[in-house]
Amino acid sequence: MSGPAGARPPHLGASARATLHTQLARLLQSGVAWPEALRLAGDVLGGKAGTRAHTAGAALMAGQPLPDTLRHSGLFDAVDLALIAAGERAGRSTELLQRSAERHARSAEVWQTVRGGLGYPLFVVASSCVLLPAPELFTGGIGLFLRHAGLNLAVFVGAGALVLWAGRRLPGSPVWARML
């Protein structure tokens, strides 16, 4: 279920996790069993995450235990798995899934606010890459200005790409992965 050795689970942002948990809570509350609920939620998610949800539903139909199936699906984080396990023991799965959906929705709002707040600082840094070498227009000509402005922009873009790459690829960086 977790795919080929070394395969990474699909990145599921907080908004997609909120959708998954909301759909599962609604389906389970209406009497749909876990395997079918996962399949239907997978239809809503689509893509690799939807395929993982379908595979998890099939594994449940084949008799795999719920906790193992959900953990191996890659669609649930540790907190989600603990909430689902507690909900199953207490008979309150739908309520705890809904609370988990709310947690992920709040997380998505926070990161959207953070990303939105980065617009102006990024503009300032990018414009400074061009404005800092501006005096060279008068002292060294357009060629020197373009070289230095291009170098500044290349360094800025390279540093940004490195941060994005590190956030997505380095093991143990779930905070960066969610943020980016």
N, C-alpha and C. Protein backbone atom coordinates (compact mmCIF):
# COMPACT_ATOMS: atom_id res chain seq x y z
N MET A 1 0.81 -1.19 0.00
CA MET A 1 0.00 0.00 0.00
C MET A 1 0.85 1.24 0.00
N SER A 2 2.01 1.16 0.58
CA SER A 2 2.84 2.37 0.59
C SER A 2 3.65 2.49 -0.68
N GLY A 3 3.41 1.64 -1.65
CA GLY A 3 4.06 1.77 -2.95
C GLY A 3 5.44 1.17 -2.96
N PRO A 4 6.20 1.43 -4.02
CA PRO A 4 7.53 0.88 -4.13
C PRO A 4 8.43 1.38 -3.01
N ALA A 5 9.45 0.61 -2.73
CA ALA A 5 10.38 1.00 -1.68
C ALA A 5 10.94 2.38 -1.97
N GLY A 6 10.90 3.23 -0.97
CA GLY A 6 11.43 4.58 -1.13
C GLY A 6 10.42 5.57 -1.69
N ALA A 7 9.23 5.09 -2.06
CA ALA A 7 8.23 6.00 -2.61
C ALA A 7 7.69 6.88 -1.48
N ARG A 8 7.57 8.15 -1.78
CA ARG A 8 7.07 9.09 -0.78
C ARG A 8 5.56 9.18 -0.89
N PRO A 9 4.88 9.28 0.27
CA PRO A 9 3.44 9.49 0.21
C PRO A 9 3.14 10.83 -0.44
N PRO A 10 1.96 10.99 -1.01
CA PRO A 10 1.65 12.26 -1.65
C PRO A 10 1.62 13.38 -0.62
N HIS A 11 2.09 14.55 -1.03
CA HIS A 11 2.00 15.70 -0.13
C HIS A 11 0.54 16.12 -0.09
N LEU A 12 0.02 16.17 1.09
CA LEU A 12 -1.37 16.55 1.28
C LEU A 12 -1.38 17.79 2.15
N GLY A 13 -1.73 18.91 1.58
CA GLY A 13 -1.77 20.16 2.32
C GLY A 13 -2.89 20.16 3.34
N ALA A 14 -2.86 21.14 4.20
CA ALA A 14 -3.85 21.23 5.28
C ALA A 14 -5.26 21.35 4.73
N SER A 15 -5.42 22.08 3.64
CA SER A 15 -6.75 22.25 3.06
C SER A 15 -7.29 20.91 2.53
N ALA A 16 -6.44 20.15 1.86
CA ALA A 16 -6.86 18.83 1.35
C ALA A 16 -7.14 17.88 2.50
N ARG A 17 -6.34 17.95 3.57
CA ARG A 17 -6.60 17.11 4.75
C ARG A 17 -7.94 17.48 5.38
N ALA A 18 -8.24 18.76 5.44
CA ALA A 18 -9.54 19.19 5.99
C ALA A 18 -10.68 18.62 5.15
N THR A 19 -10.52 18.66 3.84
CA THR A 19 -11.54 18.10 2.94
C THR A 19 -11.70 16.60 3.17
N LEU A 20 -10.58 15.89 3.25
CA LEU A 20 -10.61 14.44 3.47
C LEU A 20 -11.34 14.11 4.77
N HIS A 21 -10.98 14.79 5.85
CA HIS A 21 -11.57 14.49 7.16
C HIS A 21 -13.05 14.87 7.21
N THR A 22 -13.40 15.98 6.58
CA THR A 22 -14.81 16.38 6.55
C THR A 22 -15.63 15.35 5.79
N GLN A 23 -15.12 14.92 4.63
CA GLN A 23 -15.84 13.93 3.83
C GLN A 23 -15.99 12.61 4.60
N LEU A 24 -14.88 12.16 5.23
CA LEU A 24 -14.96 10.91 5.99
C LEU A 24 -15.95 11.02 7.15
N ALA A 25 -15.92 12.15 7.86
CA ALA A 25 -16.85 12.33 8.99
C ALA A 25 -18.30 12.28 8.51
N ARG A 26 -18.59 12.97 7.42
CA ARG A 26 -19.96 12.99 6.91
C ARG A 26 -20.41 11.60 6.43
N LEU A 27 -19.51 10.93 5.74
CA LEU A 27 -19.86 9.60 5.23
C LEU A 27 -20.05 8.60 6.36
N LEU A 28 -19.15 8.61 7.34
CA LEU A 28 -19.28 7.68 8.46
C LEU A 28 -20.53 7.98 9.28
N GLN A 29 -20.85 9.25 9.44
CA GLN A 29 -22.04 9.63 10.20
C GLN A 29 -23.31 9.17 9.49
N SER A 30 -23.28 9.13 8.17
CA SER A 30 -24.46 8.70 7.42
C SER A 30 -24.55 7.19 7.29
N GLY A 31 -23.61 6.47 7.94
CA GLY A 31 -23.71 5.01 7.96
C GLY A 31 -22.85 4.29 6.93
N VAL A 32 -22.05 5.02 6.19
CA VAL A 32 -21.17 4.39 5.20
C VAL A 32 -19.98 3.78 5.94
N ALA A 33 -19.61 2.56 5.58
CA ALA A 33 -18.49 1.86 6.23
C ALA A 33 -17.16 2.48 5.78
N TRP A 34 -16.12 2.26 6.60
CA TRP A 34 -14.79 2.84 6.32
C TRP A 34 -14.30 2.56 4.90
N PRO A 35 -14.36 1.31 4.41
CA PRO A 35 -13.81 1.07 3.05
C PRO A 35 -14.48 1.92 1.98
N GLU A 36 -15.79 1.97 2.02
CA GLU A 36 -16.53 2.76 1.02
C GLU A 36 -16.31 4.25 1.25
N ALA A 37 -16.22 4.67 2.51
CA ALA A 37 -15.98 6.08 2.82
C ALA A 37 -14.63 6.53 2.27
N LEU A 38 -13.62 5.70 2.42
CA LEU A 38 -12.30 6.04 1.87
C LEU A 38 -12.34 6.12 0.35
N ARG A 39 -13.06 5.19 -0.28
CA ARG A 39 -13.15 5.21 -1.74
C ARG A 39 -13.86 6.48 -2.22
N LEU A 40 -14.95 6.84 -1.57
CA LEU A 40 -15.68 8.04 -1.97
C LEU A 40 -14.88 9.32 -1.69
N ALA A 41 -14.20 9.36 -0.55
CA ALA A 41 -13.34 10.51 -0.25
C ALA A 41 -12.20 10.59 -1.25
N GLY A 42 -11.70 9.44 -1.68
CA GLY A 42 -10.65 9.42 -2.71
C GLY A 42 -11.14 10.01 -4.02
N ASP A 43 -12.41 9.76 -4.35
CA ASP A 43 -12.98 10.37 -5.56
C ASP A 43 -12.99 11.89 -5.46
N VAL A 44 -13.26 12.41 -4.26
CA VAL A 44 -13.28 13.86 -4.06
C VAL A 44 -11.86 14.42 -4.14
N LEU A 45 -10.89 13.72 -3.52
CA LEU A 45 -9.50 14.21 -3.51
C LEU A 45 -8.87 14.16 -4.90
N GLY A 46 -9.03 13.05 -5.59
CA GLY A 46 -8.41 12.88 -6.90
C GLY A 46 -6.89 12.76 -6.81
N GLY A 47 -6.24 12.58 -7.93
CA GLY A 47 -4.78 12.50 -8.00
C GLY A 47 -4.20 11.34 -7.21
N LYS A 48 -2.94 11.51 -6.80
CA LYS A 48 -2.24 10.46 -6.05
C LYS A 48 -2.90 10.20 -4.71
N ALA A 49 -3.38 11.26 -4.06
CA ALA A 49 -4.04 11.09 -2.77
C ALA A 49 -5.32 10.28 -2.93
N GLY A 50 -6.06 10.53 -3.99
CA GLY A 50 -7.27 9.76 -4.26
C GLY A 50 -6.96 8.29 -4.50
N THR A 51 -5.87 8.05 -5.22
CA THR A 51 -5.46 6.66 -5.47
C THR A 51 -5.09 5.98 -4.16
N ARG A 52 -4.37 6.71 -3.29
CA ARG A 52 -4.01 6.16 -1.97
C ARG A 52 -5.26 5.84 -1.16
N ALA A 53 -6.26 6.71 -1.21
CA ALA A 53 -7.50 6.46 -0.47
C ALA A 53 -8.21 5.23 -1.02
N HIS A 54 -8.24 5.08 -2.34
CA HIS A 54 -8.86 3.89 -2.95
C HIS A 54 -8.13 2.63 -2.52
N THR A 55 -6.79 2.70 -2.52
CA THR A 55 -5.98 1.54 -2.12
C THR A 55 -6.24 1.19 -0.65
N ALA A 56 -6.37 2.21 0.20
CA ALA A 56 -6.65 1.96 1.61
C ALA A 56 -8.03 1.31 1.78
N GLY A 57 -9.01 1.77 1.03
CA GLY A 57 -10.34 1.16 1.09
C GLY A 57 -10.31 -0.29 0.66
N ALA A 58 -9.55 -0.58 -0.40
CA ALA A 58 -9.42 -1.97 -0.85
C ALA A 58 -8.72 -2.83 0.19
N ALA A 59 -7.72 -2.28 0.87
CA ALA A 59 -7.01 -3.03 1.91
C ALA A 59 -7.95 -3.35 3.08
N LEU A 60 -8.82 -2.40 3.43
CA LEU A 60 -9.79 -2.67 4.49
C LEU A 60 -10.78 -3.76 4.08
N MET A 61 -11.17 -3.72 2.82
CA MET A 61 -12.08 -4.76 2.30
C MET A 61 -11.41 -6.14 2.33
N ALA A 62 -10.08 -6.15 2.18
CA ALA A 62 -9.33 -7.41 2.19
C ALA A 62 -9.06 -7.89 3.62
N GLY A 63 -9.50 -7.12 4.62
CA GLY A 63 -9.36 -7.56 6.00
C GLY A 63 -8.21 -6.95 6.77
N GLN A 64 -7.52 -5.98 6.20
CA GLN A 64 -6.43 -5.32 6.93
C GLN A 64 -7.02 -4.49 8.07
N PRO A 65 -6.31 -4.39 9.20
CA PRO A 65 -6.81 -3.58 10.31
C PRO A 65 -6.81 -2.09 9.97
N LEU A 66 -7.79 -1.38 10.50
CA LEU A 66 -7.95 0.05 10.21
C LEU A 66 -6.71 0.87 10.56
N PRO A 67 -6.15 0.76 11.78
CA PRO A 67 -5.00 1.61 12.12
C PRO A 67 -3.81 1.43 11.18
N ASP A 68 -3.50 0.17 10.86
CA ASP A 68 -2.36 -0.10 9.96
C ASP A 68 -2.63 0.44 8.56
N THR A 69 -3.84 0.24 8.10
CA THR A 69 -4.20 0.70 6.75
C THR A 69 -4.10 2.22 6.64
N LEU A 70 -4.63 2.93 7.64
CA LEU A 70 -4.59 4.39 7.58
C LEU A 70 -3.16 4.90 7.70
N ARG A 71 -2.35 4.27 8.55
CA ARG A 71 -0.96 4.70 8.71
C ARG A 71 -0.18 4.50 7.41
N HIS A 72 -0.37 3.37 6.77
CA HIS A 72 0.37 3.06 5.54
C HIS A 72 -0.13 3.85 4.33
N SER A 73 -1.32 4.41 4.44
CA SER A 73 -1.86 5.15 3.29
C SER A 73 -1.09 6.44 3.03
N GLY A 74 -0.47 7.02 4.08
CA GLY A 74 0.25 8.27 3.94
C GLY A 74 -0.66 9.49 3.91
N LEU A 75 -1.95 9.30 4.16
CA LEU A 75 -2.91 10.39 4.11
C LEU A 75 -3.19 11.02 5.47
N PHE A 76 -2.67 10.41 6.51
CA PHE A 76 -2.97 10.86 7.86
C PHE A 76 -1.68 11.08 8.63
N ASP A 77 -1.59 12.19 9.37
CA ASP A 77 -0.42 12.41 10.21
C ASP A 77 -0.62 11.72 11.55
N ALA A 78 0.38 11.79 12.42
CA ALA A 78 0.34 11.07 13.69
C ALA A 78 -0.82 11.53 14.57
N VAL A 79 -1.09 12.83 14.58
CA VAL A 79 -2.20 13.35 15.39
C VAL A 79 -3.53 12.82 14.86
N ASP A 80 -3.68 12.81 13.54
CA ASP A 80 -4.90 12.28 12.94
C ASP A 80 -5.10 10.82 13.32
N LEU A 81 -4.04 10.04 13.23
CA LEU A 81 -4.14 8.61 13.55
C LEU A 81 -4.52 8.41 15.02
N ALA A 82 -3.96 9.21 15.91
CA ALA A 82 -4.30 9.09 17.33
C ALA A 82 -5.76 9.47 17.58
N LEU A 83 -6.22 10.54 16.92
CA LEU A 83 -7.62 10.94 17.07
C LEU A 83 -8.58 9.88 16.54
N ILE A 84 -8.24 9.30 15.41
CA ILE A 84 -9.10 8.26 14.83
C ILE A 84 -9.13 7.03 15.74
N ALA A 85 -7.97 6.64 16.26
CA ALA A 85 -7.92 5.49 17.16
C ALA A 85 -8.75 5.76 18.42
N ALA A 86 -8.61 6.96 18.99
CA ALA A 86 -9.39 7.31 20.17
C ALA A 86 -10.88 7.33 19.84
N GLY A 87 -11.22 7.86 18.69
CA GLY A 87 -12.62 7.90 18.27
C GLY A 87 -13.21 6.52 18.08
N GLU A 88 -12.42 5.62 17.53
CA GLU A 88 -12.88 4.24 17.34
C GLU A 88 -13.13 3.58 18.69
N ARG A 89 -12.22 3.80 19.64
CA ARG A 89 -12.38 3.19 20.98
C ARG A 89 -13.59 3.77 21.70
N ALA A 90 -13.82 5.06 21.55
CA ALA A 90 -14.91 5.72 22.27
C ALA A 90 -16.23 5.72 21.50
N GLY A 91 -16.20 5.26 20.25
CA GLY A 91 -17.41 5.29 19.44
C GLY A 91 -17.79 6.68 18.97
N ARG A 92 -16.78 7.56 18.86
CA ARG A 92 -17.03 8.95 18.44
C ARG A 92 -16.15 9.34 17.26
N SER A 93 -15.98 8.44 16.32
CA SER A 93 -15.09 8.69 15.17
C SER A 93 -15.49 9.92 14.38
N THR A 94 -16.78 10.06 14.13
CA THR A 94 -17.22 11.18 13.29
C THR A 94 -16.93 12.52 13.96
N GLU A 95 -17.18 12.60 15.26
CA GLU A 95 -16.93 13.85 15.98
C GLU A 95 -15.45 14.21 15.96
N LEU A 96 -14.60 13.22 16.20
CA LEU A 96 -13.16 13.50 16.23
C LEU A 96 -12.61 13.77 14.83
N LEU A 97 -13.16 13.12 13.81
CA LEU A 97 -12.75 13.44 12.44
C LEU A 97 -13.14 14.88 12.09
N GLN A 98 -14.31 15.30 12.54
CA GLN A 98 -14.74 16.68 12.27
C GLN A 98 -13.83 17.68 12.97
N ARG A 99 -13.45 17.36 14.21
CA ARG A 99 -12.51 18.24 14.93
C ARG A 99 -11.16 18.28 14.24
N SER A 100 -10.73 17.14 13.74
CA SER A 100 -9.46 17.11 13.00
C SER A 100 -9.57 17.94 11.73
N ALA A 101 -10.71 17.87 11.07
CA ALA A 101 -10.92 18.68 9.86
C ALA A 101 -10.84 20.16 10.20
N GLU A 102 -11.41 20.54 11.33
CA GLU A 102 -11.35 21.94 11.76
C GLU A 102 -9.91 22.36 12.06
N ARG A 103 -9.15 21.45 12.67
CA ARG A 103 -7.74 21.74 12.97
C ARG A 103 -6.97 21.99 11.67
N HIS A 104 -7.20 21.14 10.68
CA HIS A 104 -6.50 21.31 9.40
C HIS A 104 -6.97 22.56 8.67
N ALA A 105 -8.24 22.90 8.78
CA ALA A 105 -8.75 24.11 8.13
C ALA A 105 -8.12 25.36 8.75
N ARG A 106 -7.99 25.37 10.09
CA ARG A 106 -7.33 26.51 10.75
C ARG A 106 -5.87 26.60 10.33
N SER A 107 -5.22 25.45 10.23
CA SER A 107 -3.82 25.43 9.80
C SER A 107 -3.69 25.99 8.38
N ALA A 108 -4.60 25.63 7.50
CA ALA A 108 -4.57 26.14 6.12
C ALA A 108 -4.76 27.66 6.12
N GLU A 109 -5.63 28.16 6.97
CA GLU A 109 -5.84 29.62 7.05
C GLU A 109 -4.58 30.33 7.52
N VAL A 110 -3.93 29.76 8.52
CA VAL A 110 -2.71 30.38 9.04
C VAL A 110 -1.64 30.44 7.95
N TRP A 111 -1.42 29.34 7.25
CA TRP A 111 -0.38 29.34 6.22
C TRP A 111 -0.74 30.24 5.04
N GLN A 112 -2.04 30.34 4.74
CA GLN A 112 -2.44 31.26 3.68
C GLN A 112 -2.14 32.70 4.09
N THR A 113 -2.36 33.02 5.34
CA THR A 113 -2.05 34.35 5.86
C THR A 113 -0.55 34.61 5.81
N VAL A 114 0.23 33.62 6.22
CA VAL A 114 1.70 33.77 6.20
C VAL A 114 2.18 33.99 4.78
N ARG A 115 1.73 33.15 3.86
CA ARG A 115 2.16 33.30 2.46
C ARG A 115 1.72 34.63 1.89
N GLY A 116 0.51 35.07 2.23
CA GLY A 116 0.02 36.36 1.75
C GLY A 116 0.85 37.51 2.30
N GLY A 117 1.31 37.38 3.54
CA GLY A 117 2.11 38.42 4.15
C GLY A 117 3.53 38.49 3.62
N LEU A 118 3.94 37.49 2.86
CA LEU A 118 5.29 37.49 2.31
C LEU A 118 5.40 38.29 1.01
N GLY A 119 4.29 38.69 0.43
CA GLY A 119 4.32 39.40 -0.85
C GLY A 119 5.14 40.67 -0.83
N TYR A 120 4.87 41.53 0.11
CA TYR A 120 5.59 42.81 0.17
C TYR A 120 7.07 42.63 0.46
N PRO A 121 7.45 41.83 1.46
CA PRO A 121 8.89 41.64 1.68
C PRO A 121 9.61 41.06 0.46
N LEU A 122 8.97 40.14 -0.24
CA LEU A 122 9.60 39.60 -1.45
C LEU A 122 9.75 40.66 -2.53
N PHE A 123 8.76 41.53 -2.65
CA PHE A 123 8.85 42.63 -3.61
C PHE A 123 10.01 43.55 -3.26
N VAL A 124 10.17 43.87 -1.97
CA VAL A 124 11.25 44.75 -1.54
C VAL A 124 12.61 44.13 -1.86
N VAL A 125 12.77 42.85 -1.56
CA VAL A 125 14.05 42.18 -1.82
C VAL A 125 14.32 42.12 -3.32
N ALA A 126 13.31 41.74 -4.10
CA ALA A 126 13.51 41.65 -5.55
C ALA A 126 13.83 43.02 -6.15
N SER A 127 13.13 44.06 -5.71
CA SER A 127 13.40 45.37 -6.27
C SER A 127 14.77 45.88 -5.83
N SER A 128 15.20 45.50 -4.64
CA SER A 128 16.54 45.92 -4.22
C SER A 128 17.63 45.25 -5.05
N CYS A 129 17.34 44.08 -5.58
CA CYS A 129 18.31 43.42 -6.46
C CYS A 129 18.57 44.28 -7.71
N VAL A 130 17.56 45.02 -8.12
CA VAL A 130 17.70 45.86 -9.30
C VAL A 130 18.16 47.27 -8.92
N LEU A 131 17.66 47.78 -7.79
CA LEU A 131 17.95 49.16 -7.43
C LEU A 131 19.36 49.36 -6.86
N LEU A 132 19.89 48.36 -6.17
CA LEU A 132 21.23 48.52 -5.60
C LEU A 132 22.30 48.81 -6.66
N PRO A 133 22.28 48.11 -7.79
CA PRO A 133 23.30 48.45 -8.79
C PRO A 133 22.91 49.63 -9.70
N ALA A 134 21.81 50.32 -9.42
CA ALA A 134 21.37 51.43 -10.26
C ALA A 134 22.42 52.52 -10.46
N PRO A 135 23.21 52.90 -9.44
CA PRO A 135 24.24 53.92 -9.68
C PRO A 135 25.26 53.52 -10.76
N GLU A 136 25.40 52.23 -11.00
CA GLU A 136 26.34 51.77 -12.02
C GLU A 136 25.90 52.16 -13.43
N LEU A 137 24.62 52.52 -13.57
CA LEU A 137 24.15 53.04 -14.86
C LEU A 137 24.94 54.30 -15.24
N PHE A 138 25.30 55.09 -14.24
CA PHE A 138 25.97 56.36 -14.49
C PHE A 138 27.49 56.24 -14.44
N THR A 139 27.98 55.25 -13.66
CA THR A 139 29.43 55.14 -13.50
C THR A 139 30.06 54.09 -14.41
N GLY A 140 29.35 53.01 -14.67
CA GLY A 140 29.96 51.94 -15.46
C GLY A 140 29.20 51.58 -16.72
N GLY A 141 28.06 52.16 -16.93
CA GLY A 141 27.30 51.90 -18.14
C GLY A 141 26.24 50.81 -17.94
N ILE A 142 25.45 50.66 -18.96
CA ILE A 142 24.32 49.72 -18.92
C ILE A 142 24.79 48.28 -18.80
N GLY A 143 25.91 47.95 -19.42
CA GLY A 143 26.42 46.58 -19.37
C GLY A 143 26.75 46.14 -17.96
N LEU A 144 27.46 46.99 -17.22
CA LEU A 144 27.83 46.66 -15.84
C LEU A 144 26.58 46.57 -14.96
N PHE A 145 25.64 47.49 -15.16
CA PHE A 145 24.39 47.46 -14.40
C PHE A 145 23.64 46.15 -14.64
N LEU A 146 23.49 45.77 -15.91
CA LEU A 146 22.76 44.54 -16.23
C LEU A 146 23.45 43.30 -15.65
N ARG A 147 24.79 43.28 -15.69
CA ARG A 147 25.53 42.15 -15.11
C ARG A 147 25.26 42.04 -13.61
N HIS A 148 25.39 43.17 -12.90
CA HIS A 148 25.21 43.13 -11.45
C HIS A 148 23.75 42.88 -11.05
N ALA A 149 22.81 43.50 -11.76
CA ALA A 149 21.39 43.26 -11.47
C ALA A 149 21.04 41.80 -11.76
N GLY A 150 21.54 41.27 -12.87
CA GLY A 150 21.31 39.86 -13.20
C GLY A 150 21.91 38.93 -12.17
N LEU A 151 23.11 39.24 -11.71
CA LEU A 151 23.74 38.43 -10.68
C LEU A 151 22.94 38.49 -9.38
N ASN A 152 22.51 39.67 -8.99
CA ASN A 152 21.70 39.81 -7.77
C ASN A 152 20.41 38.99 -7.88
N LEU A 153 19.72 39.10 -9.02
CA LEU A 153 18.48 38.35 -9.20
C LEU A 153 18.74 36.85 -9.22
N ALA A 154 19.84 36.43 -9.85
CA ALA A 154 20.17 35.01 -9.89
C ALA A 154 20.43 34.46 -8.49
N VAL A 155 21.14 35.23 -7.69
CA VAL A 155 21.41 34.81 -6.31
C VAL A 155 20.09 34.73 -5.53
N PHE A 156 19.23 35.71 -5.69
CA PHE A 156 17.94 35.74 -5.00
C PHE A 156 17.08 34.54 -5.41
N VAL A 157 16.98 34.29 -6.70
CA VAL A 157 16.18 33.16 -7.19
C VAL A 157 16.80 31.84 -6.76
N GLY A 158 18.12 31.74 -6.83
CA GLY A 158 18.79 30.52 -6.40
C GLY A 158 18.58 30.23 -4.92
N ALA A 159 18.67 31.26 -4.10
CA ALA A 159 18.45 31.07 -2.66
C ALA A 159 17.00 30.65 -2.40
N GLY A 160 16.07 31.27 -3.11
CA GLY A 160 14.66 30.89 -2.95
C GLY A 160 14.40 29.46 -3.39
N ALA A 161 15.01 29.07 -4.50
CA ALA A 161 14.85 27.68 -4.98
C ALA A 161 15.45 26.69 -4.00
N LEU A 162 16.58 27.05 -3.41
CA LEU A 162 17.22 26.17 -2.43
C LEU A 162 16.33 26.00 -1.20
N VAL A 163 15.71 27.06 -0.74
CA VAL A 163 14.81 26.97 0.41
C VAL A 163 13.61 26.09 0.07
N LEU A 164 13.04 26.29 -1.11
CA LEU A 164 11.91 25.44 -1.52
C LEU A 164 12.31 23.98 -1.62
N TRP A 165 13.45 23.72 -2.24
CA TRP A 165 13.93 22.35 -2.39
C TRP A 165 14.17 21.71 -1.03
N ALA A 166 14.84 22.42 -0.15
CA ALA A 166 15.16 21.88 1.17
C ALA A 166 13.88 21.59 1.96
N GLY A 167 12.92 22.47 1.86
CA GLY A 167 11.67 22.27 2.58
C GLY A 167 10.90 21.07 2.11
N ARG A 168 11.00 20.75 0.84
CA ARG A 168 10.27 19.61 0.28
C ARG A 168 11.04 18.30 0.37
N ARG A 169 12.36 18.34 0.33
CA ARG A 169 13.15 17.13 0.17
C ARG A 169 13.85 16.61 1.42
N LEU A 170 14.24 17.51 2.30
CA LEU A 170 15.00 17.05 3.46
C LEU A 170 14.11 16.25 4.39
N PRO A 171 14.60 15.08 4.82
CA PRO A 171 13.78 14.28 5.74
C PRO A 171 13.60 15.01 7.06
N GLY A 172 12.45 14.80 7.65
CA GLY A 172 12.18 15.40 8.94
C GLY A 172 11.83 16.87 8.87
N SER A 173 11.30 17.33 7.73
CA SER A 173 10.95 18.74 7.63
C SER A 173 9.46 18.90 7.34
N PRO A 174 8.58 18.31 8.15
CA PRO A 174 7.15 18.43 7.86
C PRO A 174 6.64 19.85 7.99
N VAL A 175 7.25 20.66 8.82
CA VAL A 175 6.79 22.05 8.96
C VAL A 175 7.04 22.80 7.67
N TRP A 176 8.25 22.66 7.10
CA TRP A 176 8.55 23.30 5.83
C TRP A 176 7.65 22.77 4.73
N ALA A 177 7.43 21.47 4.70
CA ALA A 177 6.60 20.89 3.66
C ALA A 177 5.18 21.43 3.71
N ARG A 178 4.62 21.59 4.91
CA ARG A 178 3.28 22.15 5.01
C ARG A 178 3.27 23.62 4.63
N MET A 179 4.32 24.34 5.04
CA MET A 179 4.37 25.77 4.79
C MET A 179 4.50 26.06 3.29
N LEU A 180 5.34 25.30 2.61
CA LEU A 180 5.62 25.56 1.22
C LEU A 180 4.66 24.78 0.36
